[in-house]
Amino acid sequence: MEYLKFRTTTPACSENAPASCPNNVTPQDYQMLSKGTGMQADPDRHGPEGGIVIVMALGMIVLLLAGILWALWPSAQRSGYDPGCSILRYVASADDFSGPLPGYCASACTLYMLRGWVRPETSLVFHLPSVDHEYWRGLMASHYPPAIAAWFLSLSPNSPAMEMTGAEAVRLGAAAC
């Protein structure tokens, strides 16, 4: 198999090569390079610029399609994201809250359930307080509709976080949007 050796220096072109040949590569060398590949080598085109442009264009198309798919995905229709945080902060502001719960409502955000409305596609994530004590469980449960409060109070101490859809919450007594 023949290999084309490119030189890192630029010596003067050989007598048989045209003066415009870079690195003493002749048109015959380009033909040898493309032999058996089914592609034509272009002696006037040096470097991977054409390939980079194609890869960049394909990457942009993929990103555009990913954005369109994300926008059309049902979970993207949820409005808002609230991962919760301090129980006391949410309890303090729960009486002032009115309106729909965010599309993703986790942890202390669920304390707004008695004052807000729930969409069927809302994702509610419940977990026990980090300091699992009867007081904190009771405080949280007091902000839930009775059926959800009873379920929450029945969770075992090592229960993992659990997700409930808005449709399930409405069926268990939350106000529907």
N, C-alpha and C. Protein backbone atom coordinates (compact mmCIF):
# COMPACT_ATOMS: atom_id res chain seq x y z
N MET A 1 0.85 -1.17 0.00
CA MET A 1 0.00 0.00 0.00
C MET A 1 0.90 1.24 0.00
N GLU A 2 0.58 2.18 -0.82
CA GLU A 2 1.39 3.39 -0.92
C GLU A 2 0.82 4.48 -0.01
N TYR A 3 1.70 5.20 0.66
CA TYR A 3 1.28 6.29 1.53
C TYR A 3 1.86 7.59 1.03
N LEU A 4 1.12 8.63 1.17
CA LEU A 4 1.57 9.95 0.79
C LEU A 4 2.21 10.60 2.01
N LYS A 5 3.43 11.02 1.88
CA LYS A 5 4.13 11.64 3.00
C LYS A 5 4.10 13.15 2.81
N PHE A 6 3.50 13.84 3.78
CA PHE A 6 3.50 15.30 3.73
C PHE A 6 4.66 15.79 4.56
N ARG A 7 5.32 16.76 4.08
CA ARG A 7 6.47 17.31 4.78
C ARG A 7 6.02 18.50 5.62
N THR A 8 6.66 18.66 6.75
CA THR A 8 6.29 19.78 7.61
C THR A 8 6.97 21.06 7.15
N THR A 9 8.03 20.94 6.39
CA THR A 9 8.69 22.14 5.86
C THR A 9 8.22 22.33 4.43
N THR A 10 8.49 23.45 3.88
CA THR A 10 8.06 23.73 2.51
C THR A 10 9.30 23.90 1.63
N PRO A 11 9.82 22.79 1.12
CA PRO A 11 10.97 22.92 0.23
C PRO A 11 10.51 23.45 -1.13
N ALA A 12 11.41 23.85 -1.90
CA ALA A 12 11.06 24.31 -3.24
C ALA A 12 10.47 23.15 -4.02
N CYS A 13 9.51 23.45 -4.87
CA CYS A 13 8.86 22.40 -5.65
C CYS A 13 9.88 21.76 -6.58
N SER A 14 9.67 20.49 -6.85
CA SER A 14 10.58 19.78 -7.75
C SER A 14 10.42 20.33 -9.16
N GLU A 15 11.32 19.94 -10.00
CA GLU A 15 11.27 20.44 -11.38
C GLU A 15 10.02 19.96 -12.09
N ASN A 16 9.53 18.76 -11.77
CA ASN A 16 8.37 18.21 -12.46
C ASN A 16 7.05 18.74 -11.91
N ALA A 17 7.08 19.32 -10.72
CA ALA A 17 5.84 19.79 -10.10
C ALA A 17 5.62 21.24 -10.44
N PRO A 18 4.37 21.64 -10.58
CA PRO A 18 4.08 23.04 -10.84
C PRO A 18 4.51 23.90 -9.66
N ALA A 19 4.79 25.13 -9.91
CA ALA A 19 5.28 26.05 -8.88
C ALA A 19 4.24 26.28 -7.79
N SER A 20 2.97 26.06 -8.09
CA SER A 20 1.92 26.31 -7.10
C SER A 20 1.70 25.14 -6.15
N CYS A 21 2.43 24.03 -6.29
CA CYS A 21 2.22 22.85 -5.45
C CYS A 21 2.75 23.11 -4.04
N PRO A 22 1.90 22.92 -3.03
CA PRO A 22 2.37 23.10 -1.66
C PRO A 22 3.14 21.88 -1.21
N ASN A 23 4.16 22.09 -0.42
CA ASN A 23 4.94 21.01 0.19
C ASN A 23 5.40 19.96 -0.82
N ASN A 24 5.64 20.39 -2.04
CA ASN A 24 6.16 19.50 -3.08
C ASN A 24 5.23 18.33 -3.37
N VAL A 25 3.91 18.51 -3.22
CA VAL A 25 2.94 17.47 -3.52
C VAL A 25 2.43 17.72 -4.93
N THR A 26 2.52 16.72 -5.76
CA THR A 26 2.13 16.87 -7.15
C THR A 26 0.68 16.44 -7.35
N PRO A 27 0.07 16.83 -8.44
CA PRO A 27 -1.29 16.37 -8.74
C PRO A 27 -1.38 14.84 -8.77
N GLN A 28 -0.30 14.18 -9.19
CA GLN A 28 -0.31 12.71 -9.20
C GLN A 28 -0.40 12.17 -7.76
N ASP A 29 0.23 12.87 -6.82
CA ASP A 29 0.14 12.45 -5.42
C ASP A 29 -1.30 12.53 -4.93
N TYR A 30 -2.01 13.57 -5.34
CA TYR A 30 -3.41 13.70 -4.93
C TYR A 30 -4.24 12.57 -5.53
N GLN A 31 -3.95 12.20 -6.78
CA GLN A 31 -4.67 11.10 -7.40
C GLN A 31 -4.40 9.79 -6.66
N MET A 32 -3.14 9.58 -6.25
CA MET A 32 -2.80 8.37 -5.52
C MET A 32 -3.52 8.35 -4.17
N LEU A 33 -3.61 9.52 -3.54
CA LEU A 33 -4.26 9.60 -2.23
C LEU A 33 -5.73 9.23 -2.31
N SER A 34 -6.41 9.63 -3.39
CA SER A 34 -7.83 9.35 -3.51
C SER A 34 -8.11 8.01 -4.15
N LYS A 35 -7.08 7.31 -4.59
CA LYS A 35 -7.26 6.02 -5.28
C LYS A 35 -7.92 5.01 -4.34
N GLY A 36 -8.97 4.39 -4.80
CA GLY A 36 -9.65 3.36 -4.03
C GLY A 36 -10.64 3.89 -3.00
N THR A 37 -10.74 5.19 -2.83
CA THR A 37 -11.68 5.73 -1.85
C THR A 37 -13.00 6.12 -2.49
N GLY A 38 -13.01 6.26 -3.81
CA GLY A 38 -14.21 6.68 -4.49
C GLY A 38 -14.42 8.18 -4.40
N MET A 39 -13.44 8.88 -3.80
CA MET A 39 -13.55 10.34 -3.68
C MET A 39 -12.46 10.97 -4.53
N GLN A 40 -12.71 12.15 -4.97
CA GLN A 40 -11.72 12.89 -5.73
C GLN A 40 -10.98 13.84 -4.81
N ALA A 41 -9.69 13.78 -4.82
CA ALA A 41 -8.90 14.72 -4.05
C ALA A 41 -8.80 16.02 -4.83
N ASP A 42 -8.87 17.10 -4.12
CA ASP A 42 -8.82 18.41 -4.75
C ASP A 42 -7.51 19.07 -4.36
N PRO A 43 -6.58 19.21 -5.30
CA PRO A 43 -5.28 19.80 -4.95
C PRO A 43 -5.39 21.27 -4.55
N ASP A 44 -6.50 21.93 -4.86
CA ASP A 44 -6.64 23.33 -4.49
C ASP A 44 -7.29 23.50 -3.12
N ARG A 45 -7.69 22.43 -2.50
CA ARG A 45 -8.36 22.52 -1.19
C ARG A 45 -7.48 21.82 -0.16
N HIS A 46 -6.99 22.57 0.78
CA HIS A 46 -6.10 22.01 1.79
C HIS A 46 -6.79 22.09 3.14
N GLY A 47 -6.61 21.09 3.97
CA GLY A 47 -7.14 21.12 5.33
C GLY A 47 -8.57 20.62 5.40
N PRO A 48 -9.06 20.50 6.61
CA PRO A 48 -10.38 19.91 6.84
C PRO A 48 -11.53 20.91 6.89
N GLU A 49 -11.33 22.13 6.34
CA GLU A 49 -12.35 23.16 6.48
C GLU A 49 -13.72 22.71 5.99
N GLY A 50 -13.78 22.03 4.88
CA GLY A 50 -15.07 21.58 4.35
C GLY A 50 -15.74 20.59 5.28
N GLY A 51 -14.97 19.68 5.85
CA GLY A 51 -15.52 18.71 6.78
C GLY A 51 -16.02 19.35 8.06
N ILE A 52 -15.30 20.34 8.54
CA ILE A 52 -15.70 21.04 9.76
C ILE A 52 -17.02 21.76 9.55
N VAL A 53 -17.19 22.38 8.41
CA VAL A 53 -18.43 23.10 8.11
C VAL A 53 -19.60 22.13 8.10
N ILE A 54 -19.40 20.96 7.52
CA ILE A 54 -20.47 19.96 7.46
C ILE A 54 -20.81 19.47 8.86
N VAL A 55 -19.79 19.17 9.66
CA VAL A 55 -20.02 18.70 11.03
C VAL A 55 -20.73 19.78 11.84
N MET A 56 -20.32 21.02 11.70
CA MET A 56 -20.97 22.11 12.43
C MET A 56 -22.43 22.27 11.98
N ALA A 57 -22.69 22.17 10.71
CA ALA A 57 -24.06 22.30 10.21
C ALA A 57 -24.92 21.15 10.73
N LEU A 58 -24.39 19.94 10.72
CA LEU A 58 -25.15 18.81 11.25
C LEU A 58 -25.40 18.97 12.75
N GLY A 59 -24.40 19.47 13.47
CA GLY A 59 -24.57 19.71 14.91
C GLY A 59 -25.66 20.72 15.18
N MET A 60 -25.71 21.78 14.39
CA MET A 60 -26.74 22.80 14.58
C MET A 60 -28.12 22.23 14.27
N ILE A 61 -28.22 21.38 13.26
CA ILE A 61 -29.50 20.75 12.93
C ILE A 61 -29.95 19.86 14.08
N VAL A 62 -29.03 19.09 14.65
CA VAL A 62 -29.36 18.22 15.77
C VAL A 62 -29.85 19.04 16.96
N LEU A 63 -29.15 20.14 17.26
CA LEU A 63 -29.57 21.01 18.37
C LEU A 63 -30.94 21.62 18.11
N LEU A 64 -31.20 22.03 16.90
CA LEU A 64 -32.50 22.60 16.54
C LEU A 64 -33.60 21.56 16.72
N LEU A 65 -33.36 20.35 16.24
CA LEU A 65 -34.36 19.29 16.39
C LEU A 65 -34.57 18.94 17.86
N ALA A 66 -33.49 18.93 18.65
CA ALA A 66 -33.62 18.64 20.08
C ALA A 66 -34.47 19.72 20.76
N GLY A 67 -34.28 20.97 20.39
CA GLY A 67 -35.08 22.05 20.95
C GLY A 67 -36.56 21.92 20.60
N ILE A 68 -36.82 21.55 19.37
CA ILE A 68 -38.21 21.36 18.94
C ILE A 68 -38.85 20.21 19.70
N LEU A 69 -38.13 19.09 19.82
CA LEU A 69 -38.66 17.94 20.55
C LEU A 69 -38.90 18.28 22.01
N TRP A 70 -37.98 19.03 22.62
CA TRP A 70 -38.15 19.41 24.02
C TRP A 70 -39.40 20.26 24.18
N ALA A 71 -39.61 21.18 23.26
CA ALA A 71 -40.78 22.07 23.35
C ALA A 71 -42.09 21.30 23.17
N LEU A 72 -42.05 20.22 22.39
CA LEU A 72 -43.26 19.45 22.15
C LEU A 72 -43.48 18.35 23.18
N TRP A 73 -42.47 18.04 23.98
CA TRP A 73 -42.57 16.98 24.98
C TRP A 73 -43.57 17.37 26.05
N PRO A 74 -44.43 16.47 26.50
CA PRO A 74 -45.47 16.82 27.47
C PRO A 74 -44.94 17.44 28.76
N SER A 75 -43.81 16.97 29.27
CA SER A 75 -43.30 17.54 30.51
C SER A 75 -42.86 18.98 30.32
N ALA A 76 -42.53 19.37 29.10
CA ALA A 76 -42.13 20.75 28.85
C ALA A 76 -43.33 21.69 28.91
N GLN A 77 -44.55 21.13 28.84
CA GLN A 77 -45.74 21.95 28.91
C GLN A 77 -46.01 22.43 30.33
N ARG A 78 -45.34 21.83 31.30
CA ARG A 78 -45.51 22.26 32.67
C ARG A 78 -44.99 23.69 32.79
N SER A 79 -45.70 24.49 33.52
CA SER A 79 -45.20 25.85 33.69
C SER A 79 -44.62 25.96 35.09
N GLY A 80 -43.35 26.16 35.15
CA GLY A 80 -42.69 26.38 36.42
C GLY A 80 -42.00 25.16 36.99
N TYR A 81 -41.05 25.45 37.82
CA TYR A 81 -40.24 24.43 38.47
C TYR A 81 -39.93 24.94 39.85
N ASP A 82 -40.35 24.21 40.87
CA ASP A 82 -40.07 24.61 42.24
C ASP A 82 -39.62 23.38 43.02
N PRO A 83 -38.32 23.28 43.31
CA PRO A 83 -37.82 22.11 44.01
C PRO A 83 -38.04 22.15 45.52
N GLY A 84 -38.67 23.21 46.02
CA GLY A 84 -38.91 23.32 47.46
C GLY A 84 -37.65 23.75 48.19
N CYS A 85 -37.71 23.72 49.50
CA CYS A 85 -36.55 24.06 50.32
C CYS A 85 -36.99 24.08 51.77
N SER A 86 -36.90 25.23 52.40
CA SER A 86 -37.20 25.37 53.82
C SER A 86 -38.70 25.26 54.10
N ILE A 87 -39.07 24.35 54.97
CA ILE A 87 -40.48 24.19 55.36
C ILE A 87 -41.00 25.50 55.94
N LEU A 88 -40.23 26.12 56.82
CA LEU A 88 -40.70 27.34 57.48
C LEU A 88 -40.96 28.47 56.49
N ARG A 89 -40.12 28.59 55.48
CA ARG A 89 -40.32 29.64 54.48
C ARG A 89 -41.64 29.44 53.74
N TYR A 90 -41.93 28.19 53.36
CA TYR A 90 -43.17 27.91 52.64
C TYR A 90 -44.39 28.04 53.55
N VAL A 91 -44.28 27.60 54.80
CA VAL A 91 -45.40 27.73 55.74
C VAL A 91 -45.71 29.21 55.95
N ALA A 92 -44.67 30.04 56.07
CA ALA A 92 -44.87 31.47 56.30
C ALA A 92 -45.57 32.15 55.12
N SER A 93 -45.34 31.66 53.91
CA SER A 93 -45.93 32.31 52.74
C SER A 93 -47.14 31.55 52.19
N ALA A 94 -47.51 30.43 52.78
CA ALA A 94 -48.61 29.61 52.25
C ALA A 94 -49.93 30.35 52.27
N ASP A 95 -50.19 31.15 53.30
CA ASP A 95 -51.47 31.86 53.38
C ASP A 95 -51.61 32.92 52.29
N ASP A 96 -50.49 33.42 51.78
CA ASP A 96 -50.52 34.45 50.74
C ASP A 96 -50.55 33.85 49.34
N PHE A 97 -50.39 32.55 49.23
CA PHE A 97 -50.31 31.92 47.91
C PHE A 97 -51.70 31.66 47.36
N SER A 98 -51.88 31.95 46.10
CA SER A 98 -53.09 31.54 45.38
C SER A 98 -52.70 31.40 43.92
N GLY A 99 -53.34 30.49 43.25
CA GLY A 99 -53.02 30.25 41.85
C GLY A 99 -52.58 28.82 41.65
N PRO A 100 -52.19 28.50 40.41
CA PRO A 100 -51.80 27.12 40.13
C PRO A 100 -50.42 26.81 40.70
N LEU A 101 -50.25 25.58 41.17
CA LEU A 101 -48.93 25.12 41.59
C LEU A 101 -48.06 24.99 40.35
N PRO A 102 -46.75 25.12 40.52
CA PRO A 102 -45.87 24.97 39.35
C PRO A 102 -45.97 23.57 38.76
N GLY A 103 -45.56 23.42 37.53
CA GLY A 103 -45.61 22.13 36.84
C GLY A 103 -44.79 21.05 37.51
N TYR A 104 -43.69 21.44 38.15
CA TYR A 104 -42.90 20.53 38.96
C TYR A 104 -42.85 21.14 40.34
N CYS A 105 -43.45 20.47 41.30
CA CYS A 105 -43.57 21.00 42.67
C CYS A 105 -43.09 19.91 43.61
N ALA A 106 -41.96 20.14 44.25
CA ALA A 106 -41.38 19.10 45.10
C ALA A 106 -41.14 19.63 46.50
N SER A 107 -41.10 18.70 47.44
CA SER A 107 -40.71 18.98 48.81
C SER A 107 -41.65 20.01 49.43
N ALA A 108 -41.11 21.08 49.99
CA ALA A 108 -41.92 22.07 50.69
C ALA A 108 -42.87 22.83 49.76
N CYS A 109 -42.63 22.83 48.46
CA CYS A 109 -43.55 23.48 47.51
C CYS A 109 -44.94 22.88 47.62
N THR A 110 -45.03 21.60 47.97
CA THR A 110 -46.33 20.94 48.07
C THR A 110 -47.18 21.52 49.19
N LEU A 111 -46.58 22.31 50.08
CA LEU A 111 -47.33 22.93 51.18
C LEU A 111 -48.30 23.99 50.68
N TYR A 112 -48.19 24.39 49.44
CA TYR A 112 -49.13 25.36 48.85
C TYR A 112 -50.42 24.69 48.38
N MET A 113 -50.50 23.37 48.51
CA MET A 113 -51.62 22.64 47.91
C MET A 113 -53.00 23.09 48.40
N LEU A 114 -53.15 23.43 49.67
CA LEU A 114 -54.47 23.84 50.17
C LEU A 114 -54.91 25.20 49.63
N ARG A 115 -53.95 26.06 49.28
CA ARG A 115 -54.28 27.41 48.81
C ARG A 115 -54.22 27.53 47.29
N GLY A 116 -53.65 26.54 46.63
CA GLY A 116 -53.49 26.63 45.18
C GLY A 116 -54.30 25.60 44.45
N TRP A 117 -54.16 25.61 43.13
CA TRP A 117 -54.85 24.66 42.26
C TRP A 117 -53.82 23.79 41.59
N VAL A 118 -54.23 22.59 41.26
CA VAL A 118 -53.32 21.62 40.67
C VAL A 118 -53.78 21.26 39.26
N ARG A 119 -52.87 21.32 38.32
CA ARG A 119 -53.15 20.88 36.95
C ARG A 119 -52.96 19.36 36.89
N PRO A 120 -53.67 18.67 36.01
CA PRO A 120 -53.53 17.21 35.91
C PRO A 120 -52.10 16.78 35.59
N GLU A 121 -51.38 17.57 34.79
CA GLU A 121 -50.02 17.19 34.38
C GLU A 121 -48.94 17.61 35.38
N THR A 122 -49.34 18.27 36.46
CA THR A 122 -48.38 18.68 37.48
C THR A 122 -47.72 17.46 38.10
N SER A 123 -46.45 17.59 38.40
CA SER A 123 -45.71 16.52 39.06
C SER A 123 -45.42 16.99 40.49
N LEU A 124 -46.00 16.27 41.47
CA LEU A 124 -45.81 16.59 42.89
C LEU A 124 -44.89 15.55 43.50
N VAL A 125 -43.83 15.99 44.16
CA VAL A 125 -42.88 15.07 44.77
C VAL A 125 -42.89 15.27 46.27
N PHE A 126 -43.20 14.21 46.98
CA PHE A 126 -43.28 14.25 48.44
C PHE A 126 -42.12 13.47 49.05
N HIS A 127 -41.59 13.98 50.14
CA HIS A 127 -40.64 13.22 50.94
C HIS A 127 -40.78 13.67 52.38
N LEU A 128 -40.30 12.86 53.27
CA LEU A 128 -40.38 13.21 54.69
C LEU A 128 -39.40 14.32 55.00
N PRO A 129 -39.65 15.10 56.06
CA PRO A 129 -38.71 16.17 56.42
C PRO A 129 -37.33 15.57 56.73
N SER A 130 -36.28 16.37 56.50
CA SER A 130 -34.93 15.87 56.74
C SER A 130 -34.74 15.48 58.21
N VAL A 131 -35.39 16.21 59.11
CA VAL A 131 -35.42 15.81 60.51
C VAL A 131 -36.82 15.22 60.71
N ASP A 132 -36.90 13.90 60.61
CA ASP A 132 -38.21 13.24 60.66
C ASP A 132 -38.70 13.20 62.10
N HIS A 133 -39.54 14.15 62.39
CA HIS A 133 -40.10 14.28 63.74
C HIS A 133 -41.60 14.47 63.59
N GLU A 134 -42.34 14.03 64.56
CA GLU A 134 -43.80 14.12 64.53
C GLU A 134 -44.27 15.55 64.30
N TYR A 135 -43.60 16.51 64.90
CA TYR A 135 -44.00 17.92 64.75
C TYR A 135 -43.93 18.35 63.29
N TRP A 136 -42.78 18.07 62.64
CA TRP A 136 -42.60 18.52 61.25
C TRP A 136 -43.54 17.78 60.31
N ARG A 137 -43.73 16.50 60.53
CA ARG A 137 -44.69 15.75 59.70
C ARG A 137 -46.09 16.33 59.85
N GLY A 138 -46.47 16.61 61.08
CA GLY A 138 -47.81 17.17 61.34
C GLY A 138 -47.97 18.54 60.71
N LEU A 139 -46.92 19.37 60.81
CA LEU A 139 -46.97 20.71 60.20
C LEU A 139 -47.17 20.60 58.69
N MET A 140 -46.42 19.71 58.05
CA MET A 140 -46.56 19.54 56.60
C MET A 140 -47.94 18.99 56.26
N ALA A 141 -48.38 17.96 56.98
CA ALA A 141 -49.67 17.33 56.69
C ALA A 141 -50.82 18.31 56.85
N SER A 142 -50.67 19.29 57.74
CA SER A 142 -51.75 20.26 57.94
C SER A 142 -51.98 21.15 56.72
N HIS A 143 -51.07 21.13 55.77
CA HIS A 143 -51.20 21.92 54.55
C HIS A 143 -51.67 21.09 53.35
N TYR A 144 -52.05 19.85 53.60
CA TYR A 144 -52.51 18.96 52.54
C TYR A 144 -54.01 18.67 52.73
N PRO A 145 -54.68 18.32 51.63
CA PRO A 145 -56.06 17.85 51.77
C PRO A 145 -56.07 16.59 52.67
N PRO A 146 -57.18 16.31 53.34
CA PRO A 146 -57.22 15.21 54.32
C PRO A 146 -56.70 13.86 53.83
N ALA A 147 -57.08 13.42 52.64
CA ALA A 147 -56.64 12.11 52.15
C ALA A 147 -55.13 12.08 51.91
N ILE A 148 -54.58 13.16 51.38
CA ILE A 148 -53.13 13.22 51.14
C ILE A 148 -52.41 13.33 52.49
N ALA A 149 -52.98 14.08 53.43
CA ALA A 149 -52.37 14.20 54.76
C ALA A 149 -52.31 12.84 55.45
N ALA A 150 -53.38 12.07 55.37
CA ALA A 150 -53.41 10.74 56.00
C ALA A 150 -52.35 9.83 55.36
N TRP A 151 -52.24 9.89 54.04
CA TRP A 151 -51.22 9.09 53.34
C TRP A 151 -49.82 9.52 53.77
N PHE A 152 -49.58 10.84 53.81
CA PHE A 152 -48.27 11.37 54.18
C PHE A 152 -47.89 10.95 55.60
N LEU A 153 -48.84 11.03 56.53
CA LEU A 153 -48.56 10.65 57.92
C LEU A 153 -48.31 9.15 58.07
N SER A 154 -48.78 8.35 57.12
CA SER A 154 -48.60 6.90 57.22
C SER A 154 -47.27 6.41 56.65
N LEU A 155 -46.49 7.30 56.04
CA LEU A 155 -45.21 6.88 55.44
C LEU A 155 -44.26 6.38 56.51
N SER A 156 -43.52 5.32 56.17
CA SER A 156 -42.54 4.80 57.12
C SER A 156 -41.32 5.72 57.14
N PRO A 157 -40.56 5.71 58.25
CA PRO A 157 -39.43 6.63 58.39
C PRO A 157 -38.40 6.58 57.27
N ASN A 158 -38.20 5.45 56.64
CA ASN A 158 -37.18 5.35 55.58
C ASN A 158 -37.76 5.41 54.18
N SER A 159 -38.94 5.95 54.04
CA SER A 159 -39.59 6.02 52.72
C SER A 159 -38.80 6.92 51.78
N PRO A 160 -38.66 6.49 50.53
CA PRO A 160 -38.00 7.36 49.54
C PRO A 160 -38.97 8.46 49.08
N ALA A 161 -38.44 9.42 48.36
CA ALA A 161 -39.30 10.45 47.78
C ALA A 161 -40.28 9.78 46.82
N MET A 162 -41.53 10.25 46.82
CA MET A 162 -42.56 9.66 45.96
C MET A 162 -43.23 10.73 45.13
N GLU A 163 -43.48 10.38 43.88
CA GLU A 163 -44.08 11.33 42.94
C GLU A 163 -45.55 11.00 42.75
N MET A 164 -46.34 12.06 42.65
CA MET A 164 -47.78 11.92 42.43
C MET A 164 -48.15 12.90 41.31
N THR A 165 -49.00 12.48 40.42
CA THR A 165 -49.45 13.39 39.36
C THR A 165 -50.51 14.33 39.93
N GLY A 166 -50.70 15.43 39.25
CA GLY A 166 -51.75 16.36 39.65
C GLY A 166 -53.11 15.72 39.59
N ALA A 167 -53.33 14.84 38.60
CA ALA A 167 -54.62 14.15 38.47
C ALA A 167 -54.88 13.28 39.70
N GLU A 168 -53.84 12.60 40.20
CA GLU A 168 -54.00 11.79 41.41
C GLU A 168 -54.30 12.67 42.62
N ALA A 169 -53.60 13.81 42.71
CA ALA A 169 -53.82 14.72 43.83
C ALA A 169 -55.24 15.26 43.82
N VAL A 170 -55.76 15.58 42.65
CA VAL A 170 -57.14 16.08 42.54
C VAL A 170 -58.11 14.98 42.99
N ARG A 171 -57.85 13.76 42.57
CA ARG A 171 -58.70 12.64 42.97
C ARG A 171 -58.68 12.47 44.50
N LEU A 172 -57.56 12.86 45.14
CA LEU A 172 -57.43 12.73 46.60
C LEU A 172 -57.81 14.02 47.34
N GLY A 173 -58.40 14.99 46.63
CA GLY A 173 -58.94 16.17 47.32
C GLY A 173 -58.29 17.50 47.02
N ALA A 174 -57.24 17.55 46.23
CA ALA A 174 -56.64 18.85 45.88
C ALA A 174 -57.56 19.58 44.90
N ALA A 175 -57.51 20.90 44.94
CA ALA A 175 -58.34 21.71 44.03
C ALA A 175 -57.80 21.62 42.61
N ALA A 176 -58.68 21.37 41.66
CA ALA A 176 -58.28 21.26 40.25
C ALA A 176 -58.17 22.63 39.60
N CYS A 177 -57.28 22.72 38.66
CA CYS A 177 -57.09 23.96 37.91
C CYS A 177 -58.11 24.04 36.80
